[in-house]
Amino acid sequence: MTRGTTLRMIIMLIIAGVLVGGLVAFQDFKTSMIEKGIKGTSTPPQAVSTVVAQESVWQPTVEALGSFSASKQASLSAEVSGLVTSIQFASGQKVRLGQTLVELNPAPLKAQLARRKPRPRWPSSISSATRHSSGFRRSARPRWTPTAPR
């Protein structure tokens, strides 16, 4: 090895030693600062109160504000809408499958059913044979005026 190479190697080792030493010193400094910070943030003593246990009267109810939900529940819905005329169960009562729970006002549904009943297309005075004779074409709709019953 030449003298210049040896000198460069010594300078490189000194620089590497300074860098490693600096890293070790920085880690020690960081650890000591963290320990000081933790010691400075200790929790203050907690206030504790005591009460002597005594026998007292039990209160069966408690007034409170809040919300609750049932663990078992059922959603009811009707197939049709309408005015409820009677409720046939009490709150909290157990019911059987198929039991009537509410009754709706049947008047609107009866009126709607009456409107949907089929009306005769031909007056009852025209017989079936006359309707299908050559005097009436099947595709043509007869025109007639209803008259009062005789």
N, C-alpha and C. Protein backbone atom coordinates (compact mmCIF):
# COMPACT_ATOMS: atom_id res chain seq x y z
N MET A 1 0.83 -1.16 0.00
CA MET A 1 0.00 0.00 0.00
C MET A 1 0.89 1.24 0.00
N THR A 2 0.35 2.20 -0.66
CA THR A 2 1.13 3.44 -0.72
C THR A 2 0.74 4.37 0.41
N ARG A 3 1.59 5.36 0.60
CA ARG A 3 1.36 6.28 1.70
C ARG A 3 0.05 7.04 1.52
N GLY A 4 -0.34 7.46 0.34
CA GLY A 4 -1.58 8.20 0.07
C GLY A 4 -2.81 7.34 0.35
N THR A 5 -2.73 6.06 0.00
CA THR A 5 -3.86 5.16 0.23
C THR A 5 -4.06 4.96 1.73
N THR A 6 -2.99 4.79 2.48
CA THR A 6 -3.09 4.59 3.91
C THR A 6 -3.69 5.83 4.57
N LEU A 7 -3.29 6.99 4.16
CA LEU A 7 -3.80 8.24 4.71
C LEU A 7 -5.31 8.38 4.45
N ARG A 8 -5.73 8.03 3.24
CA ARG A 8 -7.18 8.10 2.90
C ARG A 8 -7.98 7.11 3.74
N MET A 9 -7.44 5.93 3.96
CA MET A 9 -8.12 4.92 4.79
C MET A 9 -8.28 5.42 6.23
N ILE A 10 -7.27 6.05 6.77
CA ILE A 10 -7.32 6.55 8.14
C ILE A 10 -8.37 7.67 8.24
N ILE A 11 -8.40 8.56 7.25
CA ILE A 11 -9.38 9.67 7.26
C ILE A 11 -10.81 9.10 7.15
N MET A 12 -11.00 8.07 6.30
CA MET A 12 -12.32 7.45 6.15
C MET A 12 -12.76 6.79 7.47
N LEU A 13 -11.89 6.09 8.17
CA LEU A 13 -12.23 5.44 9.43
C LEU A 13 -12.57 6.48 10.51
N ILE A 14 -11.84 7.60 10.51
CA ILE A 14 -12.13 8.66 11.49
C ILE A 14 -13.52 9.26 11.22
N ILE A 15 -13.83 9.52 9.95
CA ILE A 15 -15.15 10.08 9.61
C ILE A 15 -16.27 9.08 9.96
N ALA A 16 -16.07 7.79 9.66
CA ALA A 16 -17.07 6.77 9.99
C ALA A 16 -17.25 6.67 11.50
N GLY A 17 -16.17 6.75 12.26
CA GLY A 17 -16.26 6.70 13.72
C GLY A 17 -17.03 7.90 14.27
N VAL A 18 -16.77 9.09 13.70
CA VAL A 18 -17.48 10.29 14.15
C VAL A 18 -18.99 10.15 13.86
N LEU A 19 -19.35 9.62 12.67
CA LEU A 19 -20.76 9.44 12.31
C LEU A 19 -21.44 8.42 13.25
N VAL A 20 -20.82 7.29 13.48
CA VAL A 20 -21.39 6.27 14.37
C VAL A 20 -21.49 6.83 15.79
N GLY A 21 -20.48 7.52 16.25
CA GLY A 21 -20.50 8.12 17.58
C GLY A 21 -21.60 9.16 17.68
N GLY A 22 -21.78 9.95 16.63
CA GLY A 22 -22.85 10.96 16.63
C GLY A 22 -24.24 10.32 16.70
N LEU A 23 -24.44 9.22 15.96
CA LEU A 23 -25.72 8.51 16.00
C LEU A 23 -26.00 7.94 17.39
N VAL A 24 -25.00 7.34 18.00
CA VAL A 24 -25.16 6.77 19.34
C VAL A 24 -25.47 7.89 20.35
N ALA A 25 -24.77 9.01 20.26
CA ALA A 25 -25.00 10.13 21.18
C ALA A 25 -26.40 10.70 20.99
N PHE A 26 -26.85 10.80 19.73
CA PHE A 26 -28.20 11.33 19.46
C PHE A 26 -29.27 10.41 20.05
N GLN A 27 -29.10 9.08 19.91
CA GLN A 27 -30.06 8.12 20.46
C GLN A 27 -30.09 8.23 21.99
N ASP A 28 -28.97 8.38 22.63
CA ASP A 28 -28.93 8.56 24.09
C ASP A 28 -29.63 9.85 24.51
N PHE A 29 -29.37 10.92 23.76
CA PHE A 29 -30.01 12.20 24.05
C PHE A 29 -31.55 12.08 23.90
N LYS A 30 -32.00 11.43 22.83
CA LYS A 30 -33.44 11.26 22.58
C LYS A 30 -34.09 10.44 23.70
N THR A 31 -33.44 9.36 24.12
CA THR A 31 -33.98 8.51 25.19
C THR A 31 -34.08 9.29 26.49
N SER A 32 -33.08 10.08 26.82
CA SER A 32 -33.12 10.85 28.07
C SER A 32 -34.22 11.91 28.03
N MET A 33 -34.46 12.53 26.87
CA MET A 33 -35.52 13.54 26.76
C MET A 33 -36.91 12.89 26.90
N ILE A 34 -37.08 11.71 26.33
CA ILE A 34 -38.36 11.00 26.46
C ILE A 34 -38.61 10.64 27.92
N GLU A 35 -37.60 10.17 28.63
CA GLU A 35 -37.75 9.84 30.04
C GLU A 35 -38.12 11.06 30.85
N LYS A 36 -37.51 12.22 30.57
CA LYS A 36 -37.85 13.45 31.29
C LYS A 36 -39.29 13.86 31.01
N GLY A 37 -39.72 13.70 29.77
CA GLY A 37 -41.10 14.06 29.40
C GLY A 37 -42.11 13.18 30.10
N ILE A 38 -41.84 11.89 30.19
CA ILE A 38 -42.75 10.97 30.85
C ILE A 38 -42.81 11.27 32.35
N LYS A 39 -41.70 11.56 32.97
CA LYS A 39 -41.69 11.88 34.39
C LYS A 39 -42.45 13.17 34.67
N GLY A 40 -42.41 14.13 33.75
CA GLY A 40 -43.08 15.42 33.96
C GLY A 40 -44.59 15.33 33.78
N THR A 41 -45.08 14.30 33.12
CA THR A 41 -46.52 14.20 32.88
C THR A 41 -47.18 13.12 33.74
N SER A 42 -46.72 12.96 34.94
CA SER A 42 -47.33 11.95 35.82
C SER A 42 -48.75 12.41 36.17
N THR A 43 -49.63 11.44 36.36
CA THR A 43 -51.03 11.77 36.67
C THR A 43 -51.13 12.26 38.11
N PRO A 44 -51.94 13.29 38.32
CA PRO A 44 -52.11 13.80 39.68
C PRO A 44 -52.90 12.80 40.51
N PRO A 45 -52.78 12.87 41.82
CA PRO A 45 -53.54 11.95 42.67
C PRO A 45 -55.04 12.15 42.45
N GLN A 46 -55.79 11.05 42.45
CA GLN A 46 -57.23 11.07 42.20
C GLN A 46 -57.98 11.26 43.52
N ALA A 47 -59.05 12.06 43.45
CA ALA A 47 -59.89 12.28 44.63
C ALA A 47 -60.81 11.08 44.79
N VAL A 48 -60.92 10.58 46.01
CA VAL A 48 -61.75 9.41 46.30
C VAL A 48 -62.68 9.78 47.44
N SER A 49 -63.97 9.44 47.29
CA SER A 49 -64.90 9.68 48.39
C SER A 49 -65.51 8.35 48.81
N THR A 50 -65.91 8.29 50.04
CA THR A 50 -66.51 7.05 50.56
C THR A 50 -67.84 7.37 51.20
N VAL A 51 -68.71 6.36 51.20
CA VAL A 51 -70.03 6.48 51.82
C VAL A 51 -70.28 5.20 52.59
N VAL A 52 -70.86 5.34 53.76
CA VAL A 52 -71.18 4.16 54.56
C VAL A 52 -72.46 3.55 53.99
N ALA A 53 -72.45 2.26 53.75
CA ALA A 53 -73.62 1.57 53.21
C ALA A 53 -74.72 1.54 54.24
N GLN A 54 -75.96 1.87 53.80
CA GLN A 54 -77.11 1.87 54.68
C GLN A 54 -78.27 1.15 53.99
N GLU A 55 -79.19 0.65 54.76
CA GLU A 55 -80.38 0.03 54.22
C GLU A 55 -81.37 1.14 53.89
N SER A 56 -82.03 1.04 52.71
CA SER A 56 -82.99 2.07 52.31
C SER A 56 -84.17 1.41 51.61
N VAL A 57 -85.21 2.20 51.37
CA VAL A 57 -86.42 1.70 50.73
C VAL A 57 -86.16 1.63 49.22
N TRP A 58 -86.59 0.50 48.61
CA TRP A 58 -86.39 0.30 47.18
C TRP A 58 -87.42 1.09 46.39
N GLN A 59 -86.98 1.78 45.34
CA GLN A 59 -87.88 2.51 44.47
C GLN A 59 -88.16 1.63 43.24
N PRO A 60 -89.40 1.21 43.02
CA PRO A 60 -89.68 0.31 41.89
C PRO A 60 -89.58 0.99 40.53
N THR A 61 -89.65 2.31 40.48
CA THR A 61 -89.54 3.00 39.20
C THR A 61 -88.49 4.09 39.29
N VAL A 62 -87.96 4.42 38.14
CA VAL A 62 -86.97 5.49 38.05
C VAL A 62 -87.38 6.37 36.88
N GLU A 63 -87.44 7.67 37.10
CA GLU A 63 -87.75 8.59 36.01
C GLU A 63 -86.45 8.96 35.33
N ALA A 64 -86.44 8.77 34.00
CA ALA A 64 -85.23 9.07 33.24
C ALA A 64 -85.60 9.42 31.81
N LEU A 65 -84.72 10.11 31.14
CA LEU A 65 -84.87 10.40 29.72
C LEU A 65 -83.98 9.45 28.94
N GLY A 66 -84.45 9.02 27.78
CA GLY A 66 -83.62 8.13 26.96
C GLY A 66 -84.45 7.43 25.91
N SER A 67 -83.90 6.40 25.37
CA SER A 67 -84.62 5.61 24.37
C SER A 67 -84.35 4.14 24.62
N PHE A 68 -85.23 3.30 24.12
CA PHE A 68 -85.06 1.87 24.29
C PHE A 68 -85.59 1.18 23.04
N SER A 69 -85.22 -0.08 22.89
CA SER A 69 -85.74 -0.88 21.78
C SER A 69 -86.02 -2.28 22.29
N ALA A 70 -87.02 -2.90 21.72
CA ALA A 70 -87.44 -4.24 22.15
C ALA A 70 -86.49 -5.29 21.59
N SER A 71 -86.31 -6.37 22.34
CA SER A 71 -85.47 -7.46 21.83
C SER A 71 -86.26 -8.32 20.87
N LYS A 72 -87.58 -8.42 21.06
CA LYS A 72 -88.45 -9.15 20.14
C LYS A 72 -89.55 -8.21 19.71
N GLN A 73 -89.72 -8.07 18.40
CA GLN A 73 -90.75 -7.17 17.92
C GLN A 73 -91.25 -7.65 16.57
N ALA A 74 -92.38 -7.13 16.15
CA ALA A 74 -92.97 -7.48 14.87
C ALA A 74 -93.47 -6.21 14.21
N SER A 75 -93.32 -6.13 12.91
CA SER A 75 -93.84 -5.00 12.15
C SER A 75 -95.14 -5.45 11.50
N LEU A 76 -96.19 -4.67 11.69
CA LEU A 76 -97.49 -5.00 11.13
C LEU A 76 -97.80 -4.05 9.99
N SER A 77 -98.38 -4.58 8.94
CA SER A 77 -98.83 -3.74 7.84
C SER A 77 -100.04 -4.39 7.20
N ALA A 78 -100.96 -3.56 6.75
CA ALA A 78 -102.18 -4.07 6.12
C ALA A 78 -101.99 -4.11 4.60
N GLU A 79 -102.71 -5.01 3.95
CA GLU A 79 -102.65 -5.09 2.49
C GLU A 79 -103.37 -3.92 1.85
N VAL A 80 -104.33 -3.34 2.57
CA VAL A 80 -105.08 -2.20 2.07
C VAL A 80 -105.03 -1.10 3.12
N SER A 81 -105.31 0.12 2.67
CA SER A 81 -105.33 1.22 3.63
C SER A 81 -106.78 1.51 4.00
N GLY A 82 -106.97 2.13 5.12
CA GLY A 82 -108.31 2.48 5.54
C GLY A 82 -108.32 2.97 6.97
N LEU A 83 -109.52 3.35 7.42
CA LEU A 83 -109.71 3.86 8.77
C LEU A 83 -109.91 2.69 9.72
N VAL A 84 -109.15 2.64 10.80
CA VAL A 84 -109.26 1.57 11.78
C VAL A 84 -110.51 1.81 12.61
N THR A 85 -111.42 0.82 12.63
CA THR A 85 -112.66 0.96 13.41
C THR A 85 -112.56 0.28 14.76
N SER A 86 -111.74 -0.78 14.89
CA SER A 86 -111.59 -1.41 16.20
C SER A 86 -110.24 -2.10 16.29
N ILE A 87 -109.67 -2.07 17.49
CA ILE A 87 -108.41 -2.75 17.79
C ILE A 87 -108.77 -3.90 18.73
N GLN A 88 -108.40 -5.12 18.37
CA GLN A 88 -108.85 -6.30 19.10
C GLN A 88 -107.73 -6.96 19.89
N PHE A 89 -106.84 -6.16 20.44
CA PHE A 89 -105.79 -6.69 21.33
C PHE A 89 -105.35 -5.57 22.25
N ALA A 90 -104.73 -5.92 23.35
CA ALA A 90 -104.22 -4.95 24.31
C ALA A 90 -102.70 -4.86 24.16
N SER A 91 -102.14 -3.74 24.55
CA SER A 91 -100.70 -3.55 24.46
C SER A 91 -99.99 -4.59 25.32
N GLY A 92 -99.02 -5.28 24.75
CA GLY A 92 -98.25 -6.29 25.47
C GLY A 92 -98.88 -7.65 25.48
N GLN A 93 -100.09 -7.79 24.96
CA GLN A 93 -100.79 -9.07 24.96
C GLN A 93 -100.18 -10.00 23.91
N LYS A 94 -100.10 -11.28 24.23
CA LYS A 94 -99.62 -12.27 23.26
C LYS A 94 -100.77 -12.61 22.32
N VAL A 95 -100.46 -12.75 21.03
CA VAL A 95 -101.48 -13.06 20.04
C VAL A 95 -101.11 -14.34 19.32
N ARG A 96 -102.13 -14.98 18.75
CA ARG A 96 -101.93 -16.23 18.00
C ARG A 96 -101.79 -15.92 16.52
N LEU A 97 -101.20 -16.84 15.79
CA LEU A 97 -101.08 -16.73 14.35
C LEU A 97 -102.48 -16.77 13.75
N GLY A 98 -102.81 -15.82 12.89
CA GLY A 98 -104.10 -15.78 12.24
C GLY A 98 -105.16 -15.01 13.01
N GLN A 99 -104.85 -14.54 14.21
CA GLN A 99 -105.82 -13.81 15.03
C GLN A 99 -106.05 -12.42 14.42
N THR A 100 -107.31 -11.98 14.39
CA THR A 100 -107.64 -10.64 13.89
C THR A 100 -107.14 -9.62 14.91
N LEU A 101 -106.35 -8.67 14.45
CA LEU A 101 -105.79 -7.66 15.35
C LEU A 101 -106.55 -6.34 15.24
N VAL A 102 -106.86 -5.90 14.03
CA VAL A 102 -107.60 -4.65 13.83
C VAL A 102 -108.64 -4.86 12.74
N GLU A 103 -109.69 -4.04 12.79
CA GLU A 103 -110.71 -4.05 11.75
C GLU A 103 -110.71 -2.69 11.09
N LEU A 104 -110.77 -2.70 9.76
CA LEU A 104 -110.83 -1.46 9.00
C LEU A 104 -112.27 -1.18 8.61
N ASN A 105 -112.59 0.08 8.36
CA ASN A 105 -113.93 0.47 7.92
C ASN A 105 -114.21 -0.17 6.56
N PRO A 106 -115.21 -1.06 6.44
CA PRO A 106 -115.43 -1.78 5.19
C PRO A 106 -116.19 -0.98 4.14
N ALA A 107 -116.81 0.16 4.48
CA ALA A 107 -117.66 0.89 3.54
C ALA A 107 -116.94 1.29 2.26
N PRO A 108 -115.75 1.88 2.29
CA PRO A 108 -115.09 2.25 1.03
C PRO A 108 -114.76 1.03 0.16
N LEU A 109 -114.39 -0.07 0.80
CA LEU A 109 -114.06 -1.26 0.02
C LEU A 109 -115.31 -1.88 -0.60
N LYS A 110 -116.43 -1.85 0.12
CA LYS A 110 -117.68 -2.37 -0.44
C LYS A 110 -118.13 -1.52 -1.62
N ALA A 111 -117.99 -0.21 -1.51
CA ALA A 111 -118.37 0.67 -2.62
C ALA A 111 -117.47 0.42 -3.83
N GLN A 112 -116.20 0.21 -3.61
CA GLN A 112 -115.29 -0.06 -4.70
C GLN A 112 -115.62 -1.40 -5.36
N LEU A 113 -116.00 -2.39 -4.57
CA LEU A 113 -116.38 -3.69 -5.11
C LEU A 113 -117.66 -3.57 -5.95
N ALA A 114 -118.61 -2.77 -5.47
CA ALA A 114 -119.85 -2.58 -6.22
C ALA A 114 -119.58 -1.91 -7.56
N ARG A 115 -118.65 -0.98 -7.61
CA ARG A 115 -118.32 -0.33 -8.88
C ARG A 115 -117.67 -1.29 -9.85
N ARG A 116 -116.98 -2.29 -9.34
CA ARG A 116 -116.26 -3.21 -10.22
C ARG A 116 -117.08 -4.40 -10.68
N LYS A 117 -118.32 -4.55 -10.20
CA LYS A 117 -119.16 -5.66 -10.65
C LYS A 117 -119.45 -5.46 -12.12
N PRO A 118 -119.41 -6.53 -12.91
CA PRO A 118 -119.63 -6.37 -14.35
C PRO A 118 -121.07 -5.96 -14.65
N ARG A 119 -121.21 -5.03 -15.58
CA ARG A 119 -122.53 -4.59 -16.02
C ARG A 119 -122.87 -5.34 -17.30
N PRO A 120 -124.15 -5.62 -17.57
CA PRO A 120 -124.50 -6.32 -18.81
C PRO A 120 -124.17 -5.48 -20.02
N ARG A 121 -123.61 -6.12 -21.04
CA ARG A 121 -123.29 -5.41 -22.28
C ARG A 121 -124.52 -5.24 -23.14
N TRP A 122 -125.49 -6.15 -23.00
CA TRP A 122 -126.71 -6.12 -23.82
C TRP A 122 -127.90 -5.95 -22.89
N PRO A 123 -128.89 -5.28 -23.33
CA PRO A 123 -130.10 -5.19 -22.51
C PRO A 123 -130.70 -6.58 -22.36
N SER A 124 -131.26 -6.82 -21.20
CA SER A 124 -131.82 -8.14 -20.94
C SER A 124 -133.01 -8.44 -21.85
N SER A 125 -133.63 -7.42 -22.44
CA SER A 125 -134.78 -7.64 -23.32
C SER A 125 -134.38 -8.26 -24.66
N ILE A 126 -133.10 -8.17 -25.04
CA ILE A 126 -132.63 -8.75 -26.31
C ILE A 126 -132.16 -10.16 -26.02
N SER A 127 -132.72 -11.13 -26.67
CA SER A 127 -132.36 -12.52 -26.42
C SER A 127 -131.01 -12.84 -27.04
N SER A 128 -130.42 -13.91 -26.60
CA SER A 128 -129.13 -14.35 -27.11
C SER A 128 -129.21 -14.68 -28.59
N ALA A 129 -130.31 -15.30 -29.01
CA ALA A 129 -130.46 -15.66 -30.43
C ALA A 129 -130.55 -14.42 -31.28
N THR A 130 -131.24 -13.40 -30.80
CA THR A 130 -131.39 -12.16 -31.56
C THR A 130 -130.05 -11.47 -31.68
N ARG A 131 -129.23 -11.49 -30.60
CA ARG A 131 -127.93 -10.83 -30.62
C ARG A 131 -127.03 -11.42 -31.68
N HIS A 132 -127.07 -12.72 -31.86
CA HIS A 132 -126.17 -13.38 -32.78
C HIS A 132 -126.79 -13.57 -34.17
N SER A 133 -127.95 -13.06 -34.39
CA SER A 133 -128.55 -13.19 -35.73
C SER A 133 -127.91 -12.20 -36.68
N SER A 134 -128.35 -12.24 -37.89
CA SER A 134 -127.74 -11.39 -38.91
C SER A 134 -128.03 -9.92 -38.67
N GLY A 135 -129.01 -9.60 -37.84
CA GLY A 135 -129.34 -8.20 -37.58
C GLY A 135 -128.25 -7.48 -36.78
N PHE A 136 -127.46 -8.19 -36.00
CA PHE A 136 -126.39 -7.59 -35.22
C PHE A 136 -125.06 -8.19 -35.65
N ARG A 137 -124.11 -7.32 -35.90
CA ARG A 137 -122.77 -7.82 -36.18
C ARG A 137 -122.04 -7.96 -34.86
N ARG A 138 -121.22 -8.99 -34.76
CA ARG A 138 -120.52 -9.25 -33.49
C ARG A 138 -119.53 -8.13 -33.15
N SER A 139 -118.90 -7.57 -34.16
CA SER A 139 -117.89 -6.56 -33.87
C SER A 139 -118.51 -5.22 -33.51
N ALA A 140 -119.76 -4.99 -33.92
CA ALA A 140 -120.40 -3.70 -33.63
C ALA A 140 -121.01 -3.75 -32.24
N ARG A 141 -120.88 -2.66 -31.51
CA ARG A 141 -121.48 -2.57 -30.18
C ARG A 141 -122.85 -1.93 -30.33
N PRO A 142 -123.88 -2.58 -29.80
CA PRO A 142 -125.23 -2.00 -29.95
C PRO A 142 -125.35 -0.74 -29.10
N ARG A 143 -126.18 0.15 -29.57
CA ARG A 143 -126.47 1.38 -28.84
C ARG A 143 -127.86 1.25 -28.28
N TRP A 144 -128.00 1.42 -27.02
CA TRP A 144 -129.31 1.34 -26.38
C TRP A 144 -129.37 2.29 -25.21
N THR A 145 -130.55 2.65 -24.88
CA THR A 145 -130.77 3.55 -23.77
C THR A 145 -131.50 2.76 -22.70
N PRO A 146 -130.95 2.72 -21.49
CA PRO A 146 -131.64 1.97 -20.46
C PRO A 146 -133.00 2.60 -20.15
N THR A 147 -133.97 1.74 -19.91
CA THR A 147 -135.30 2.21 -19.56
C THR A 147 -135.64 1.73 -18.16
N ALA A 148 -136.63 2.34 -17.58
CA ALA A 148 -137.04 1.97 -16.23
C ALA A 148 -137.67 0.59 -16.27
N PRO A 149 -137.54 -0.23 -15.24
CA PRO A 149 -138.13 -1.55 -15.22
C PRO A 149 -139.67 -1.45 -15.32
N ARG A 150 -140.25 -2.43 -16.03
CA ARG A 150 -141.70 -2.43 -16.23
C ARG A 150 -142.41 -3.14 -15.14
